[in-house]
C-alpha atoms as a PDB file:
ATOM      1  CA  MET A   1     -60.701  32.534 -40.818  1.00  0.00           C
ATOM      2  CA  ASP A   2     -63.081  31.350 -43.531  1.00  0.00           C
ATOM      3  CA  ARG A   3     -63.073  27.881 -45.101  1.00  0.00           C
ATOM      4  CA  PRO A   4     -61.303  28.868 -48.352  1.00  0.00           C
ATOM      5  CA  ALA A   5     -58.475  30.460 -46.340  1.00  0.00           C
ATOM      6  CA  MET A   6     -58.271  27.387 -44.117  1.00  0.00           C
ATOM      7  CA  ALA A   7     -58.127  25.122 -47.171  1.00  0.00           C
ATOM      8  CA  SER A   8     -55.320  27.258 -48.588  1.00  0.00           C
ATOM      9  CA  VAL A   9     -53.288  26.910 -45.390  1.00  0.00           C
ATOM     10  CA  PHE A  10     -53.966  23.163 -45.385  1.00  0.00           C
ATOM     11  CA  ARG A  11     -52.591  22.847 -48.914  1.00  0.00           C
ATOM     12  CA  MET A  12     -49.446  24.676 -47.787  1.00  0.00           C
ATOM     13  CA  ARG A  13     -49.028  22.604 -44.606  1.00  0.00           C
ATOM     14  CA  HIS A  14     -45.567  21.389 -45.665  1.00  0.00           C
ATOM     15  CA  ALA A  15     -44.147  24.904 -46.157  1.00  0.00           C
ATOM     16  CA  PRO A  16     -41.324  25.847 -43.789  1.00  0.00           C
ATOM     17  CA  ALA A  17     -42.547  27.842 -40.801  1.00  0.00           C
ATOM     18  CA  THR A  18     -41.415  29.488 -37.581  1.00  0.00           C
ATOM     19  CA  VAL A  19     -43.199  30.024 -34.278  1.00  0.00           C
ATOM     20  CA  SER A  20     -42.532  33.074 -32.112  1.00  0.00           C
ATOM     21  CA  GLY A  21     -44.193  34.825 -29.185  1.00  0.00           C
ATOM     22  CA  VAL A  22     -44.558  31.706 -27.010  1.00  0.00           C
ATOM     23  CA  ARG A  23     -43.988  32.320 -23.311  1.00  0.00           C
ATOM     24  CA  SER A  24     -43.457  29.841 -20.501  1.00  0.00           C
ATOM     25  CA  THR A  25     -46.118  29.838 -17.787  1.00  0.00           C
ATOM     26  CA  GLY A  26     -43.797  28.319 -15.170  1.00  0.00           C
ATOM     27  CA  GLN A  27     -42.290  30.666 -12.622  1.00  0.00           C
ATOM     28  CA  GLY A  28     -38.580  31.159 -13.264  1.00  0.00           C
ATOM     29  CA  GLN A  29     -38.591  29.172 -16.506  1.00  0.00           C
ATOM     30  CA  ALA A  30     -37.030  30.550 -19.657  1.00  0.00           C
ATOM     31  CA  ASP A  31     -39.209  31.128 -22.697  1.00  0.00           C
ATOM     32  CA  PRO A  32     -38.986  28.161 -25.057  1.00  0.00           C
ATOM     33  CA  ILE A  33     -37.249  28.059 -28.407  1.00  0.00           C
ATOM     34  CA  ILE A  34     -39.680  26.319 -30.728  1.00  0.00           C
ATOM     35  CA  ARG A  35     -38.238  24.271 -33.569  1.00  0.00           C
ATOM     36  CA  VAL A  36     -40.691  23.047 -36.164  1.00  0.00           C
ATOM     37  CA  ARG A  37     -40.083  21.963 -39.740  1.00  0.00           C
ATOM     38  CA  SER A  38     -43.416  22.779 -41.329  1.00  0.00           C
ATOM     39  CA  LEU A  39     -46.532  24.903 -41.071  1.00  0.00           C
ATOM     40  CA  GLY A  40     -48.543  21.838 -40.042  1.00  0.00           C
ATOM     41  CA  GLU A  41     -46.143  21.093 -37.174  1.00  0.00           C
ATOM     42  CA  ALA A  42     -46.282  24.729 -36.069  1.00  0.00           C
ATOM     43  CA  ILE A  43     -50.085  24.631 -35.977  1.00  0.00           C
ATOM     44  CA  ARG A  44     -50.033  21.359 -34.015  1.00  0.00           C
ATOM     45  CA  PHE A  45     -47.593  22.823 -31.481  1.00  0.00           C
ATOM     46  CA  VAL A  46     -49.694  25.939 -30.903  1.00  0.00           C
ATOM     47  CA  ALA A  47     -52.924  23.934 -30.704  1.00  0.00           C
ATOM     48  CA  HIS A  48     -51.451  21.803 -27.891  1.00  0.00           C
ATOM     49  CA  ALA A  49     -49.367  24.478 -26.120  1.00  0.00           C
ATOM     50  CA  PHE A  50     -51.904  25.514 -23.471  1.00  0.00           C
ATOM     51  CA  PRO A  51     -51.594  25.315 -20.413  1.00  0.00           C
ATOM     52  CA  GLN A  52     -47.818  24.790 -20.438  1.00  0.00           C
ATOM     53  CA  TYR A  53     -47.246  27.903 -22.535  1.00  0.00           C
ATOM     54  CA  ASP A  54     -48.828  31.336 -22.908  1.00  0.00           C
ATOM     55  CA  ILE A  55     -49.678  31.716 -26.591  1.00  0.00           C
ATOM     56  CA  SER A  56     -51.517  35.033 -26.377  1.00  0.00           C
ATOM     57  CA  ALA A  57     -48.793  36.700 -28.501  1.00  0.00           C
ATOM     58  CA  VAL A  58     -47.965  33.716 -30.720  1.00  0.00           C
ATOM     59  CA  ALA A  59     -47.195  34.206 -34.399  1.00  0.00           C
ATOM     60  CA  ILE A  60     -46.787  31.434 -36.947  1.00  0.00           C
ATOM     61  CA  ILE A  61     -44.969  32.678 -40.004  1.00  0.00           C
ATOM     62  CA  ALA A  62     -44.677  30.458 -43.060  1.00  0.00           C
ATOM     63  CA  GLY A  63     -41.861  30.585 -45.580  1.00  0.00           C
ATOM     64  CA  ASP A  64     -44.421  31.290 -48.295  1.00  0.00           C
ATOM     65  CA  PRO A  65     -45.406  34.985 -48.297  1.00  0.00           C
ATOM     66  CA  SER A  66     -48.875  34.128 -49.653  1.00  0.00           C
ATOM     67  CA  ILE A  67     -49.753  32.586 -46.272  1.00  0.00           C
ATOM     68  CA  PRO A  68     -50.818  35.225 -43.725  1.00  0.00           C
ATOM     69  CA  ARG A  69     -49.346  35.290 -40.232  1.00  0.00           C
ATOM     70  CA  LEU A  70     -51.369  32.969 -38.012  1.00  0.00           C
ATOM     71  CA  GLY A  71     -52.166  33.583 -34.361  1.00  0.00           C
ATOM     72  CA  GLY A  72     -53.472  31.291 -31.666  1.00  0.00           C
ATOM     73  CA  PRO A  73     -57.160  31.458 -32.645  1.00  0.00           C
ATOM     74  CA  GLU A  74     -56.371  30.635 -36.277  1.00  0.00           C
ATOM     75  CA  ALA A  75     -54.142  27.724 -35.257  1.00  0.00           C
ATOM     76  CA  GLN A  76     -56.873  26.371 -32.969  1.00  0.00           C
ATOM     77  CA  ALA A  77     -59.491  26.630 -35.731  1.00  0.00           C
ATOM     78  CA  LEU A  78     -57.211  24.918 -38.253  1.00  0.00           C
ATOM     79  CA  TRP A  79     -56.454  22.105 -35.794  1.00  0.00           C
ATOM     80  CA  ARG A  80     -60.164  21.564 -35.086  1.00  0.00           C
ATOM     81  CA  GLU A  81     -60.858  21.405 -38.827  1.00  0.00           C
ATOM     82  CA  TYR A  82     -57.934  19.231 -40.007  1.00  0.00           C
ATOM     83  CA  GLY A  83     -56.262  17.712 -36.932  1.00  0.00           C
ATOM     84  CA  GLU A  84     -53.386  15.319 -37.598  1.00  0.00           C
ATOM     85  CA  GLY A  85     -53.962  15.713 -41.331  1.00  0.00           C
ATOM     86  CA  LEU A  86     -51.903  18.898 -41.025  1.00  0.00           C
ATOM     87  CA  THR A  87     -48.786  16.869 -40.227  1.00  0.00           C
ATOM     88  CA  GLN A  88     -49.296  13.959 -42.629  1.00  0.00           C
ATOM     89  CA  GLU A  89     -48.216  13.597 -46.228  1.00  0.00           C
END
């Protein structure tokens, strides 16, 4: 993900979002239901999910169709670049 794309996602950090494809790594544990309010919260969750969760198939989908689906590597890169700024006003 290049810097202009990252900046675009950052500007849209308050857009509604959903997280899917997260799996529990604990034996016998049910897969989690992730509830986030915004794209920034979704990115924070995915960035901090390992090792408790398997995020190899994760998908962050924002309510705004101009934002592409984000996977684990994109979420990690965005978190490294912007950190807590993704969840602040």
